[in-house]
PDB file of N, CA and C in Angstrom:
ATOM      1  N   MET A   1       0.846  -1.249   0.029  1.00  0.00           N
ATOM      2  CA  MET A   1      -0.016   0.140   0.039  1.00  0.00           C
ATOM      3  C   MET A   1       0.871   1.164   0.120  1.00  0.00           C
ATOM      4  N   ASP A   2       0.219   2.337  -0.270  1.00  0.00           N
ATOM      5  CA  ASP A   2       1.069   3.587  -0.245  1.00  0.00           C
ATOM      6  C   ASP A   2       0.868   4.484   1.076  1.00  0.00           C
ATOM      7  N   SER A   3       1.623   5.652   0.895  1.00  0.00           N
ATOM      8  CA  SER A   3       1.471   6.411   2.033  1.00  0.00           C
ATOM      9  C   SER A   3      -0.045   6.998   2.375  1.00  0.00           C
ATOM     10  N   ASP A   4      -0.847   7.013   1.398  1.00  0.00           N
ATOM     11  CA  ASP A   4      -2.261   7.464   1.481  1.00  0.00           C
ATOM     12  C   ASP A   4      -2.811   6.535   2.729  1.00  0.00           C
ATOM     13  N   ALA A   5      -2.816   5.257   2.413  1.00  0.00           N
ATOM     14  CA  ALA A   5      -3.249   4.261   3.341  1.00  0.00           C
ATOM     15  C   ALA A   5      -2.674   4.466   4.770  1.00  0.00           C
ATOM     16  N   GLU A   6      -1.462   4.695   4.728  1.00  0.00           N
ATOM     17  CA  GLU A   6      -0.826   4.880   6.065  1.00  0.00           C
ATOM     18  C   GLU A   6      -1.210   6.005   6.772  1.00  0.00           C
ATOM     19  N   SER A   7      -1.434   7.028   6.069  1.00  0.00           N
ATOM     20  CA  SER A   7      -1.942   8.468   6.666  1.00  0.00           C
ATOM     21  C   SER A   7      -3.477   8.232   7.054  1.00  0.00           C
ATOM     22  N   SER A   8      -4.231   7.656   6.256  1.00  0.00           N
ATOM     23  CA  SER A   8      -5.522   7.214   6.695  1.00  0.00           C
ATOM     24  C   SER A   8      -5.629   6.562   7.955  1.00  0.00           C
ATOM     25  N   LEU A   9      -4.671   5.505   8.073  1.00  0.00           N
ATOM     26  CA  LEU A   9      -4.833   4.641   9.401  1.00  0.00           C
ATOM     27  C   LEU A   9      -4.370   5.559  10.493  1.00  0.00           C
ATOM     28  N   ILE A  10      -3.358   6.459  10.292  1.00  0.00           N
ATOM     29  CA  ILE A  10      -2.903   7.277  11.424  1.00  0.00           C
ATOM     30  C   ILE A  10      -3.856   8.201  11.848  1.00  0.00           C
ATOM     31  N   SER A  11      -4.629   8.884  10.843  1.00  0.00           N
ATOM     32  CA  SER A  11      -5.515   9.802  11.108  1.00  0.00           C
ATOM     33  C   SER A  11      -6.668   9.010  11.811  1.00  0.00           C
ATOM     34  N   LYS A  12      -7.169   7.926  11.473  1.00  0.00           N
ATOM     35  CA  LYS A  12      -8.205   7.047  12.111  1.00  0.00           C
ATOM     36  C   LYS A  12      -7.743   6.975  13.577  1.00  0.00           C
ATOM     37  N   LEU A  13      -6.667   6.618  13.749  1.00  0.00           N
ATOM     38  CA  LEU A  13      -6.099   6.411  15.044  1.00  0.00           C
ATOM     39  C   LEU A  13      -6.189   7.702  16.000  1.00  0.00           C
ATOM     40  N   GLN A  14      -5.805   8.698  15.335  1.00  0.00           N
ATOM     41  CA  GLN A  14      -5.666  10.015  16.006  1.00  0.00           C
ATOM     42  C   GLN A  14      -7.108  10.534  16.447  1.00  0.00           C
ATOM     43  N   SER A  15      -7.953  10.325  15.554  1.00  0.00           N
ATOM     44  CA  SER A  15      -9.424  10.698  15.749  1.00  0.00           C
ATOM     45  C   SER A  15     -10.302   9.694  16.326  1.00  0.00           C
ATOM     46  N   SER A  16      -9.676   8.673  16.954  1.00  0.00           N
ATOM     47  CA  SER A  16     -10.404   7.590  17.631  1.00  0.00           C
ATOM     48  C   SER A  16     -11.453   7.172  16.864  1.00  0.00           C
ATOM     49  N   ASP A  17     -11.345   6.883  15.562  1.00  0.00           N
ATOM     50  CA  ASP A  17     -12.442   6.388  14.755  1.00  0.00           C
ATOM     51  C   ASP A  17     -11.936   4.897  14.524  1.00  0.00           C
ATOM     52  N   LEU A  18     -12.437   4.047  15.342  1.00  0.00           N
ATOM     53  CA  LEU A  18     -12.033   2.743  15.654  1.00  0.00           C
ATOM     54  C   LEU A  18     -12.907   1.632  14.906  1.00  0.00           C
ATOM     55  N   HIS A  19     -13.950   1.960  14.334  1.00  0.00           N
ATOM     56  CA  HIS A  19     -14.711   0.907  13.522  1.00  0.00           C
ATOM     57  C   HIS A  19     -13.824   0.253  12.545  1.00  0.00           C
ATOM     58  N   HIS A  20     -13.858  -1.195  12.609  1.00  0.00           N
ATOM     59  CA  HIS A  20     -13.002  -1.956  11.843  1.00  0.00           C
ATOM     60  C   HIS A  20     -11.527  -1.679  11.766  1.00  0.00           C
ATOM     61  N   PHE A  21     -11.198  -1.061  12.767  1.00  0.00           N
ATOM     62  CA  PHE A  21      -9.794  -0.676  12.828  1.00  0.00           C
ATOM     63  C   PHE A  21      -8.635  -1.667  12.812  1.00  0.00           C
ATOM     64  N   HIS A  22      -8.956  -2.779  13.324  1.00  0.00           N
ATOM     65  CA  HIS A  22      -7.912  -3.968  13.465  1.00  0.00           C
ATOM     66  C   HIS A  22      -7.823  -4.570  12.171  1.00  0.00           C
ATOM     67  N   HIS A  23      -8.923  -4.733  11.532  1.00  0.00           N
ATOM     68  CA  HIS A  23      -8.856  -5.249  10.133  1.00  0.00           C
ATOM     69  C   HIS A  23      -8.111  -4.431   9.092  1.00  0.00           C
ATOM     70  N   LEU A  24      -8.353  -3.097   9.249  1.00  0.00           N
ATOM     71  CA  LEU A  24      -7.549  -2.247   8.245  1.00  0.00           C
ATOM     72  C   LEU A  24      -6.077  -2.408   8.494  1.00  0.00           C
ATOM     73  N   PHE A  25      -5.698  -2.269   9.805  1.00  0.00           N
ATOM     74  CA  PHE A  25      -4.298  -2.406  10.350  1.00  0.00           C
ATOM     75  C   PHE A  25      -3.722  -3.887   9.668  1.00  0.00           C
ATOM     76  N   PHE A  26      -4.664  -4.967  10.078  1.00  0.00           N
ATOM     77  CA  PHE A  26      -4.043  -6.108   9.455  1.00  0.00           C
ATOM     78  C   PHE A  26      -3.740  -6.185   7.988  1.00  0.00           C
ATOM     79  N   ASP A  27      -4.750  -5.694   7.196  1.00  0.00           N
ATOM     80  CA  ASP A  27      -4.647  -5.661   5.836  1.00  0.00           C
ATOM     81  C   ASP A  27      -3.364  -4.680   5.208  1.00  0.00           C
ATOM     82  N   TYR A  28      -3.251  -3.711   5.835  1.00  0.00           N
ATOM     83  CA  TYR A  28      -2.032  -2.980   5.750  1.00  0.00           C
ATOM     84  C   TYR A  28      -0.708  -3.466   6.015  1.00  0.00           C
ATOM     85  N   LEU A  29      -0.721  -4.200   7.102  1.00  0.00           N
ATOM     86  CA  LEU A  29       0.554  -4.949   7.449  1.00  0.00           C
ATOM     87  C   LEU A  29       0.621  -6.563   6.918  1.00  0.00           C
ATOM     88  N   ARG A  30      -0.138  -6.714   6.034  1.00  0.00           N
ATOM     89  CA  ARG A  30      -0.024  -8.121   5.428  1.00  0.00           C
ATOM     90  C   ARG A  30       1.102  -8.444   4.920  1.00  0.00           C
ATOM     91  N   PRO A  31       1.920  -7.699   4.340  1.00  0.00           N
ATOM     92  CA  PRO A  31       3.267  -8.126   3.770  1.00  0.00           C
ATOM     93  C   PRO A  31       4.143  -8.953   4.926  1.00  0.00           C
ATOM     94  N   PHE A  32       3.843  -8.710   6.168  1.00  0.00           N
ATOM     95  CA  PHE A  32       4.563  -9.446   7.213  1.00  0.00           C
ATOM     96  C   PHE A  32       4.076 -10.855   7.309  1.00  0.00           C
ATOM     97  N   THR A  33       3.066 -11.158   6.764  1.00  0.00           N
ATOM     98  CA  THR A  33       2.414 -12.558   6.926  1.00  0.00           C
ATOM     99  C   THR A  33       3.268 -13.565   5.982  1.00  0.00           C
ATOM    100  N   ASP A  34       4.220 -13.049   5.096  1.00  0.00           N
ATOM    101  CA  ASP A  34       5.096 -13.765   4.414  1.00  0.00           C
ATOM    102  C   ASP A  34       6.357 -14.274   5.486  1.00  0.00           C
ATOM    103  N   LEU A  35       6.514 -13.549   6.224  1.00  0.00           N
ATOM    104  CA  LEU A  35       7.449 -13.828   7.189  1.00  0.00           C
ATOM    105  C   LEU A  35       7.020 -14.663   8.483  1.00  0.00           C
ATOM    106  N   THR A  36       5.807 -14.495   8.794  1.00  0.00           N
ATOM    107  CA  THR A  36       5.196 -15.475   9.937  1.00  0.00           C
ATOM    108  C   THR A  36       4.860 -16.878   9.394  1.00  0.00           C
ATOM    109  N   THR A  37       4.523 -16.930   8.008  1.00  0.00           N
ATOM    110  CA  THR A  37       3.937 -18.198   7.639  1.00  0.00           C
ATOM    111  C   THR A  37       5.088 -19.111   7.130  1.00  0.00           C
ATOM    112  N   THR A  38       6.341 -18.512   6.927  1.00  0.00           N
ATOM    113  CA  THR A  38       7.382 -19.359   6.179  1.00  0.00           C
ATOM    114  C   THR A  38       7.905 -20.476   7.359  1.00  0.00           C
ATOM    115  N   THR A  39       8.264 -21.483   6.909  1.00  0.00           N
ATOM    116  CA  THR A  39       8.786 -22.520   7.725  1.00  0.00           C
ATOM    117  C   THR A  39      10.272 -22.496   7.896  1.00  0.00           C
ATOM    118  N   LYS A  40      10.658 -22.809   8.987  1.00  0.00           N
ATOM    119  CA  LYS A  40      12.161 -22.933   9.220  1.00  0.00           C
ATOM    120  C   LYS A  40      12.816 -23.814   8.427  1.00  0.00           C
ATOM    121  N   PRO A  41      13.950 -23.734   7.791  1.00  0.00           N
ATOM    122  CA  PRO A  41      14.515 -24.764   7.332  1.00  0.00           C
ATOM    123  C   PRO A  41      14.981 -25.982   8.157  1.00  0.00           C
ATOM    124  N   LYS A  42      15.051 -27.065   7.629  1.00  0.00           N
ATOM    125  CA  LYS A  42      15.459 -28.330   8.422  1.00  0.00           C
ATOM    126  C   LYS A  42      16.933 -27.927   8.898  1.00  0.00           C
ATOM    127  N   ARG A  43      17.423 -28.467  10.096  1.00  0.00           N
ATOM    128  CA  ARG A  43      18.734 -28.402  10.372  1.00  0.00           C
ATOM    129  C   ARG A  43      19.640 -29.071   9.588  1.00  0.00           C
ATOM    130  N   SER A  44      19.227 -30.122   8.967  1.00  0.00           N
ATOM    131  CA  SER A  44      20.259 -30.851   8.082  1.00  0.00           C
ATOM    132  C   SER A  44      20.685 -30.087   6.808  1.00  0.00           C
ATOM    133  N   LYS A  45      19.773 -29.160   6.374  1.00  0.00           N
ATOM    134  CA  LYS A  45      20.135 -28.344   5.297  1.00  0.00           C
ATOM    135  C   LYS A  45      20.462 -26.947   5.546  1.00  0.00           C
ATOM    136  N   LYS A  46      21.406 -26.480   4.928  1.00  0.00           N
ATOM    137  CA  LYS A  46      21.757 -24.999   5.199  1.00  0.00           C
ATOM    138  C   LYS A  46      21.107 -24.141   3.939  1.00  0.00           C
ATOM    139  N   PRO A  47      20.386 -23.251   4.474  1.00  0.00           N
ATOM    140  CA  PRO A  47      19.893 -22.273   3.295  1.00  0.00           C
ATOM    141  C   PRO A  47      20.965 -21.871   2.321  1.00  0.00           C
ATOM    142  N   SER A  48      20.581 -21.760   1.074  1.00  0.00           N
ATOM    143  CA  SER A  48      21.519 -21.176   0.238  1.00  0.00           C
ATOM    144  C   SER A  48      21.882 -19.706   0.568  1.00  0.00           C
ATOM    145  N   ASN A  49      23.109 -19.309   0.138  1.00  0.00           N
ATOM    146  CA  ASN A  49      23.497 -17.827   0.353  1.00  0.00           C
ATOM    147  C   ASN A  49      22.655 -17.008  -0.518  1.00  0.00           C
ATOM    148  N   ALA A  50      22.077 -17.312  -1.578  1.00  0.00           N
ATOM    149  CA  ALA A  50      21.138 -16.607  -2.343  1.00  0.00           C
ATOM    150  C   ALA A  50      19.673 -16.383  -1.607  1.00  0.00           C
ATOM    151  N   THR A  51      19.234 -17.434  -0.831  1.00  0.00           N
ATOM    152  CA  THR A  51      18.125 -17.389  -0.127  1.00  0.00           C
ATOM    153  C   THR A  51      18.151 -16.511   0.999  1.00  0.00           C
ATOM    154  N   ALA A  52      19.289 -16.584   1.616  1.00  0.00           N
ATOM    155  CA  ALA A  52      19.423 -15.815   2.972  1.00  0.00           C
ATOM    156  C   ALA A  52      19.698 -14.292   2.448  1.00  0.00           C
ATOM    157  N   LYS A  53      20.236 -14.034   1.429  1.00  0.00           N
ATOM    158  CA  LYS A  53      20.274 -12.517   0.794  1.00  0.00           C
ATOM    159  C   LYS A  53      18.915 -12.190   0.517  1.00  0.00           C
ATOM    160  N   ASP A  54      18.237 -13.089  -0.099  1.00  0.00           N
ATOM    161  CA  ASP A  54      16.943 -12.509  -0.556  1.00  0.00           C
ATOM    162  C   ASP A  54      16.025 -12.302   0.643  1.00  0.00           C
ATOM    163  N   HIS A  55      16.005 -12.936   1.678  1.00  0.00           N
ATOM    164  CA  HIS A  55      15.408 -12.827   2.944  1.00  0.00           C
ATOM    165  C   HIS A  55      15.849 -11.598   3.644  1.00  0.00           C
ATOM    166  N   GLN A  56      17.142 -11.290   3.658  1.00  0.00           N
ATOM    167  CA  GLN A  56      17.710 -10.135   4.225  1.00  0.00           C
ATOM    168  C   GLN A  56      17.197  -8.743   3.476  1.00  0.00           C
ATOM    169  N   SER A  57      17.180  -8.939   2.074  1.00  0.00           N
ATOM    170  CA  SER A  57      16.673  -7.922   1.298  1.00  0.00           C
ATOM    171  C   SER A  57      15.165  -7.701   1.456  1.00  0.00           C
ATOM    172  N   PHE A  58      14.445  -8.649   1.514  1.00  0.00           N
ATOM    173  CA  PHE A  58      12.995  -8.456   1.992  1.00  0.00           C
ATOM    174  C   PHE A  58      12.752  -7.880   3.298  1.00  0.00           C
ATOM    175  N   LEU A  59      13.509  -8.265   4.287  1.00  0.00           N
ATOM    176  CA  LEU A  59      13.362  -7.622   5.730  1.00  0.00           C
ATOM    177  C   LEU A  59      13.860  -6.176   5.609  1.00  0.00           C
ATOM    178  N   ARG A  60      14.912  -5.914   4.861  1.00  0.00           N
ATOM    179  CA  ARG A  60      15.274  -4.468   4.592  1.00  0.00           C
ATOM    180  C   ARG A  60      14.244  -3.805   3.880  1.00  0.00           C
ATOM    181  N   SER A  61      13.684  -4.089   3.077  1.00  0.00           N
ATOM    182  CA  SER A  61      12.524  -3.406   2.235  1.00  0.00           C
ATOM    183  C   SER A  61      11.414  -3.282   3.277  1.00  0.00           C
ATOM    184  N   LEU A  62      10.979  -4.293   3.977  1.00  0.00           N
ATOM    185  CA  LEU A  62       9.909  -4.001   4.956  1.00  0.00           C
ATOM    186  C   LEU A  62      10.185  -3.053   6.049  1.00  0.00           C
ATOM    187  N   SER A  63      11.335  -2.921   6.411  1.00  0.00           N
ATOM    188  CA  SER A  63      11.666  -2.131   7.568  1.00  0.00           C
ATOM    189  C   SER A  63      11.749  -0.659   7.202  1.00  0.00           C
ATOM    190  N   LYS A  64      12.189  -0.536   5.825  1.00  0.00           N
ATOM    191  CA  LYS A  64      12.218   0.992   5.321  1.00  0.00           C
ATOM    192  C   LYS A  64      10.794   1.328   5.168  1.00  0.00           C
ATOM    193  N   LYS A  65       9.935   0.310   4.737  1.00  0.00           N
ATOM    194  CA  LYS A  65       8.520   0.745   4.316  1.00  0.00           C
ATOM    195  C   LYS A  65       7.671   1.065   5.584  1.00  0.00           C
ATOM    196  N   PHE A  66       7.970   0.224   6.533  1.00  0.00           N
ATOM    197  CA  PHE A  66       6.982   0.103   7.689  1.00  0.00           C
ATOM    198  C   PHE A  66       7.363   0.809   9.021  1.00  0.00           C
ATOM    199  N   LEU A  67       8.727   1.001   9.209  1.00  0.00           N
ATOM    200  CA  LEU A  67       9.259   1.305  10.459  1.00  0.00           C
ATOM    201  C   LEU A  67       8.662   2.551  10.982  1.00  0.00           C
ATOM    202  N   SER A  68       8.518   3.692  10.280  1.00  0.00           N
ATOM    203  CA  SER A  68       8.086   4.882  10.776  1.00  0.00           C
ATOM    204  C   SER A  68       6.441   4.696  11.097  1.00  0.00           C
ATOM    205  N   PHE A  69       5.809   4.016  10.377  1.00  0.00           N
ATOM    206  CA  PHE A  69       4.421   3.662  10.630  1.00  0.00           C
ATOM    207  C   PHE A  69       4.233   2.892  11.938  1.00  0.00           C
ATOM    208  N   LEU A  70       5.097   1.930  12.020  1.00  0.00           N
ATOM    209  CA  LEU A  70       4.844   1.127  13.422  1.00  0.00           C
ATOM    210  C   LEU A  70       5.212   1.907  14.483  1.00  0.00           C
ATOM    211  N   ASN A  71       6.339   2.772  14.387  1.00  0.00           N
ATOM    212  CA  ASN A  71       6.778   3.639  15.428  1.00  0.00           C
ATOM    213  C   ASN A  71       5.599   4.641  15.915  1.00  0.00           C
ATOM    214  N   ARG A  72       5.023   5.105  15.016  1.00  0.00           N
ATOM    215  CA  ARG A  72       4.026   6.151  15.060  1.00  0.00           C
ATOM    216  C   ARG A  72       2.719   5.616  15.808  1.00  0.00           C
ATOM    217  N   SER A  73       2.448   4.396  15.235  1.00  0.00           N
ATOM    218  CA  SER A  73       1.290   3.445  15.736  1.00  0.00           C
ATOM    219  C   SER A  73       1.551   3.084  17.083  1.00  0.00           C
ATOM    220  N   LEU A  74       2.711   2.689  17.499  1.00  0.00           N
ATOM    221  CA  LEU A  74       2.963   2.041  18.802  1.00  0.00           C
ATOM    222  C   LEU A  74       3.160   3.413  19.948  1.00  0.00           C
ATOM    223  N   SER A  75       3.161   4.599  19.360  1.00  0.00           N
ATOM    224  CA  SER A  75       3.044   5.736  20.207  1.00  0.00           C
ATOM    225  C   SER A  75       1.632   6.320  20.498  1.00  0.00           C
ATOM    226  N   LEU A  76       0.814   5.892  19.417  1.00  0.00           N
ATOM    227  CA  LEU A  76      -0.630   6.561  19.416  1.00  0.00           C
ATOM    228  C   LEU A  76      -1.541   5.589  20.006  1.00  0.00           C
ATOM    229  N   ILE A  77      -1.340   4.260  19.995  1.00  0.00           N
ATOM    230  CA  ILE A  77      -2.333   3.503  20.611  1.00  0.00           C
ATOM    231  C   ILE A  77      -2.345   3.490  22.083  1.00  0.00           C
ATOM    232  N   PRO A  78      -1.271   3.670  22.772  1.00  0.00           N
ATOM    233  CA  PRO A  78      -1.408   3.701  24.108  1.00  0.00           C
ATOM    234  C   PRO A  78      -2.301   5.276  24.616  1.00  0.00           C
ATOM    235  N   LYS A  79      -2.069   6.030  23.790  1.00  0.00           N
ATOM    236  CA  LYS A  79      -2.872   7.388  23.969  1.00  0.00           C
ATOM    237  C   LYS A  79      -4.413   7.166  23.838  1.00  0.00           C
ATOM    238  N   CYS A  80      -4.712   6.297  22.938  1.00  0.00           N
ATOM    239  CA  CYS A  80      -6.181   5.867  22.739  1.00  0.00           C
ATOM    240  C   CYS A  80      -6.674   5.068  23.902  1.00  0.00           C
ATOM    241  N   LEU A  81      -5.930   4.093  24.201  1.00  0.00           N
ATOM    242  CA  LEU A  81      -6.116   3.479  25.429  1.00  0.00           C
ATOM    243  C   LEU A  81      -6.349   4.010  26.738  1.00  0.00           C
ATOM    244  N   SER A  82      -5.686   5.091  26.816  1.00  0.00           N
ATOM    245  CA  SER A  82      -5.772   5.844  28.027  1.00  0.00           C
ATOM    246  C   SER A  82      -7.014   6.729  28.152  1.00  0.00           C
ATOM    247  N   GLU A  83      -7.796   6.657  27.252  1.00  0.00           N
ATOM    248  CA  GLU A  83      -9.110   7.379  27.258  1.00  0.00           C
ATOM    249  C   GLU A  83     -10.111   6.233  27.593  1.00  0.00           C
ATOM    250  N   THR A  84      -9.849   5.400  28.516  1.00  0.00           N
ATOM    251  CA  THR A  84     -10.859   4.290  28.858  1.00  0.00           C
ATOM    252  C   THR A  84     -12.282   4.609  29.414  1.00  0.00           C
ATOM    253  N   PRO A  85     -12.308   5.814  30.008  1.00  0.00           N
ATOM    254  CA  PRO A  85     -13.788   6.082  30.284  1.00  0.00           C
ATOM    255  C   PRO A  85     -14.609   6.292  29.057  1.00  0.00           C
ATOM    256  N   LYS A  86     -14.078   6.666  28.063  1.00  0.00           N
ATOM    257  CA  LYS A  86     -14.901   7.108  26.870  1.00  0.00           C
ATOM    258  C   LYS A  86     -14.741   5.796  25.793  1.00  0.00           C
ATOM    259  N   LEU A  87     -13.900   4.836  25.975  1.00  0.00           N
ATOM    260  CA  LEU A  87     -13.572   3.881  25.303  1.00  0.00           C
ATOM    261  C   LEU A  87     -14.667   2.740  25.489  1.00  0.00           C
ATOM    262  N   ASP A  88     -15.161   2.098  24.320  1.00  0.00           N
ATOM    263  CA  ASP A  88     -15.971   0.894  24.451  1.00  0.00           C
ATOM    264  C   ASP A  88     -14.998  -0.189  24.484  1.00  0.00           C
ATOM    265  N   PRO A  89     -15.364  -1.138  25.368  1.00  0.00           N
ATOM    266  CA  PRO A  89     -14.603  -2.364  25.619  1.00  0.00           C
ATOM    267  C   PRO A  89     -14.138  -3.079  24.470  1.00  0.00           C
ATOM    268  N   GLN A  90     -15.056  -3.135  23.465  1.00  0.00           N
ATOM    269  CA  GLN A  90     -14.883  -3.866  22.016  1.00  0.00           C
ATOM    270  C   GLN A  90     -13.657  -3.208  21.380  1.00  0.00           C
ATOM    271  N   PHE A  91     -13.554  -1.930  21.567  1.00  0.00           N
ATOM    272  CA  PHE A  91     -12.514  -1.107  20.841  1.00  0.00           C
ATOM    273  C   PHE A  91     -11.271  -1.238  21.608  1.00  0.00           C
ATOM    274  N   ALA A  92     -11.433  -1.389  22.992  1.00  0.00           N
ATOM    275  CA  ALA A  92     -10.160  -1.527  23.578  1.00  0.00           C
ATOM    276  C   ALA A  92      -9.455  -2.720  23.259  1.00  0.00           C
ATOM    277  N   LEU A  93     -10.144  -3.812  23.337  1.00  0.00           N
ATOM    278  CA  LEU A  93      -9.762  -5.255  22.656  1.00  0.00           C
ATOM    279  C   LEU A  93      -8.943  -5.030  21.337  1.00  0.00           C
ATOM    280  N   GLN A  94      -9.690  -4.323  20.410  1.00  0.00           N
ATOM    281  CA  GLN A  94      -8.958  -4.259  19.031  1.00  0.00           C
ATOM    282  C   GLN A  94      -7.792  -3.469  19.133  1.00  0.00           C
ATOM    283  N   LEU A  95      -7.733  -2.342  20.009  1.00  0.00           N
ATOM    284  CA  LEU A  95      -6.590  -1.789  20.261  1.00  0.00           C
ATOM    285  C   LEU A  95      -5.457  -2.586  20.832  1.00  0.00           C
ATOM    286  N   PHE A  96      -5.768  -3.332  21.744  1.00  0.00           N
ATOM    287  CA  PHE A  96      -4.527  -4.232  22.317  1.00  0.00           C
ATOM    288  C   PHE A  96      -4.152  -5.414  21.305  1.00  0.00           C
ATOM    289  N   THR A  97      -5.084  -5.925  20.505  1.00  0.00           N
ATOM    290  CA  THR A  97      -4.750  -6.700  19.454  1.00  0.00           C
ATOM    291  C   THR A  97      -3.880  -5.967  18.467  1.00  0.00           C
ATOM    292  N   THR A  98      -4.118  -4.936  18.063  1.00  0.00           N
ATOM    293  CA  THR A  98      -3.503  -4.136  17.070  1.00  0.00           C
ATOM    294  C   THR A  98      -2.125  -3.693  17.550  1.00  0.00           C
ATOM    295  N   TYR A  99      -2.024  -3.329  18.812  1.00  0.00           N
ATOM    296  CA  TYR A  99      -0.661  -3.167  19.491  1.00  0.00           C
ATOM    297  C   TYR A  99       0.131  -4.160  19.547  1.00  0.00           C
ATOM    298  N   LYS A 100      -0.393  -5.446  19.758  1.00  0.00           N
ATOM    299  CA  LYS A 100       0.315  -6.764  19.844  1.00  0.00           C
ATOM    300  C   LYS A 100       0.715  -7.023  18.214  1.00  0.00           C
ATOM    301  N   LEU A 101      -0.009  -6.818  17.298  1.00  0.00           N
ATOM    302  CA  LEU A 101       0.445  -7.072  16.021  1.00  0.00           C
ATOM    303  C   LEU A 101       1.644  -6.081  15.514  1.00  0.00           C
ATOM    304  N   CYS A 102       1.551  -4.873  15.975  1.00  0.00           N
ATOM    305  CA  CYS A 102       2.480  -3.849  15.728  1.00  0.00           C
ATOM    306  C   CYS A 102       3.901  -4.359  16.428  1.00  0.00           C
ATOM    307  N   LEU A 103       3.799  -4.856  17.503  1.00  0.00           N
ATOM    308  CA  LEU A 103       4.995  -5.201  18.219  1.00  0.00           C
ATOM    309  C   LEU A 103       5.527  -6.619  17.603  1.00  0.00           C
ATOM    310  N   ASN A 104       4.665  -7.449  17.018  1.00  0.00           N
ATOM    311  CA  ASN A 104       5.163  -8.493  16.338  1.00  0.00           C
ATOM    312  C   ASN A 104       5.892  -8.238  15.096  1.00  0.00           C
ATOM    313  N   CYS A 105       5.246  -7.233  14.309  1.00  0.00           N
ATOM    314  CA  CYS A 105       5.850  -6.891  13.216  1.00  0.00           C
ATOM    315  C   CYS A 105       7.291  -6.066  13.331  1.00  0.00           C
ATOM    316  N   LEU A 106       7.363  -5.353  14.519  1.00  0.00           N
ATOM    317  CA  LEU A 106       8.763  -4.745  14.766  1.00  0.00           C
ATOM    318  C   LEU A 106       9.594  -5.815  15.242  1.00  0.00           C
ATOM    319  N   GLN A 107       9.118  -6.925  15.792  1.00  0.00           N
ATOM    320  CA  GLN A 107      10.220  -8.028  16.014  1.00  0.00           C
ATOM    321  C   GLN A 107      10.669  -8.669  15.055  1.00  0.00           C
ATOM    322  N   LEU A 108       9.820  -8.777  13.916  1.00  0.00           N
ATOM    323  CA  LEU A 108      10.199  -9.473  12.808  1.00  0.00           C
ATOM    324  C   LEU A 108      11.291  -8.647  12.067  1.00  0.00           C
ATOM    325  N   ILE A 109      11.307  -7.170  12.192  1.00  0.00           N
ATOM    326  CA  ILE A 109      12.242  -6.662  11.427  1.00  0.00           C
ATOM    327  C   ILE A 109      13.490  -6.144  12.255  1.00  0.00           C
ATOM    328  N   SER A 110      13.405  -6.506  13.438  1.00  0.00           N
ATOM    329  CA  SER A 110      14.257  -6.050  14.551  1.00  0.00           C
ATOM    330  C   SER A 110      15.813  -6.426  14.108  1.00  0.00           C
ATOM    331  N   SER A 111      15.922  -7.367  13.400  1.00  0.00           N
ATOM    332  CA  SER A 111      17.398  -7.768  12.869  1.00  0.00           C
ATOM    333  C   SER A 111      17.992  -6.602  12.057  1.00  0.00           C
ATOM    334  N   GLN A 112      16.996  -5.984  11.349  1.00  0.00           N
ATOM    335  CA  GLN A 112      17.594  -4.823  10.506  1.00  0.00           C
ATOM    336  C   GLN A 112      17.784  -3.456  11.537  1.00  0.00           C
ATOM    337  N   LEU A 113      17.464  -3.495  12.650  1.00  0.00           N
ATOM    338  CA  LEU A 113      17.559  -2.421  13.510  1.00  0.00           C
ATOM    339  C   LEU A 113      18.664  -2.402  14.403  1.00  0.00           C
ATOM    340  N   SER A 114      19.440  -3.457  14.480  1.00  0.00           N
ATOM    341  CA  SER A 114      20.636  -3.570  15.456  1.00  0.00           C
ATOM    342  C   SER A 114      21.805  -2.638  15.068  1.00  0.00           C
ATOM    343  N   CYS A 115      22.381  -2.172  16.114  1.00  0.00           N
ATOM    344  CA  CYS A 115      23.441  -1.204  16.001  1.00  0.00           C
ATOM    345  C   CYS A 115      22.996   0.047  15.264  1.00  0.00           C
ATOM    346  N   LYS A 116      21.574   0.319  15.145  1.00  0.00           N
ATOM    347  CA  LYS A 116      21.155   1.414  14.838  1.00  0.00           C
ATOM    348  C   LYS A 116      20.487   2.334  15.934  1.00  0.00           C
ATOM    349  N   PRO A 117      20.684   3.533  15.893  1.00  0.00           N
ATOM    350  CA  PRO A 117      20.036   4.433  17.062  1.00  0.00           C
ATOM    351  C   PRO A 117      18.461   4.570  16.799  1.00  0.00           C
ATOM    352  N   TYR A 118      17.925   3.397  17.383  1.00  0.00           N
ATOM    353  CA  TYR A 118      16.523   3.366  17.373  1.00  0.00           C
ATOM    354  C   TYR A 118      15.913   2.928  18.756  1.00  0.00           C
ATOM    355  N   SER A 119      14.748   3.358  19.235  1.00  0.00           N
ATOM    356  CA  SER A 119      14.362   2.760  20.372  1.00  0.00           C
ATOM    357  C   SER A 119      12.769   3.145  20.421  1.00  0.00           C
ATOM    358  N   PHE A 120      11.937   2.185  21.052  1.00  0.00           N
ATOM    359  CA  PHE A 120      10.541   2.540  21.299  1.00  0.00           C
ATOM    360  C   PHE A 120      10.202   2.075  22.701  1.00  0.00           C
ATOM    361  N   GLN A 121       9.200   2.788  23.325  1.00  0.00           N
ATOM    362  CA  GLN A 121       8.730   2.510  24.537  1.00  0.00           C
ATOM    363  C   GLN A 121       7.513   1.587  24.463  1.00  0.00           C
ATOM    364  N   ILE A 122       7.481   0.915  25.603  1.00  0.00           N
ATOM    365  CA  ILE A 122       6.288   0.041  25.667  1.00  0.00           C
ATOM    366  C   ILE A 122       5.604   0.558  27.021  1.00  0.00           C
TER     367      ILE A 122
END
């Protein structure tokens, strides 16, 4: 997806428009499903050098595309959750699930962040 979709999701989050929110996030972060559904190679076989480079390249492209979005989302979701008196419990569950999804995506690209000045707060 493009930056318009990213901007739309961030503005929905900022305006607390949380209808179908998790599904929209899940659809936007769908490229990460390629990483979560791949099976680990068997120990007897070493992955080829080309395969490892392709995987690293794919991780690098994902991190370049999604890192700022994940960072922004991870900072905004707790702010939405802090509005608990006004927040419907159904939306709170969606926000927690979305927060977990963002953390999982960040974990998947964390190898690309090592030795780089980047941090986030939980």
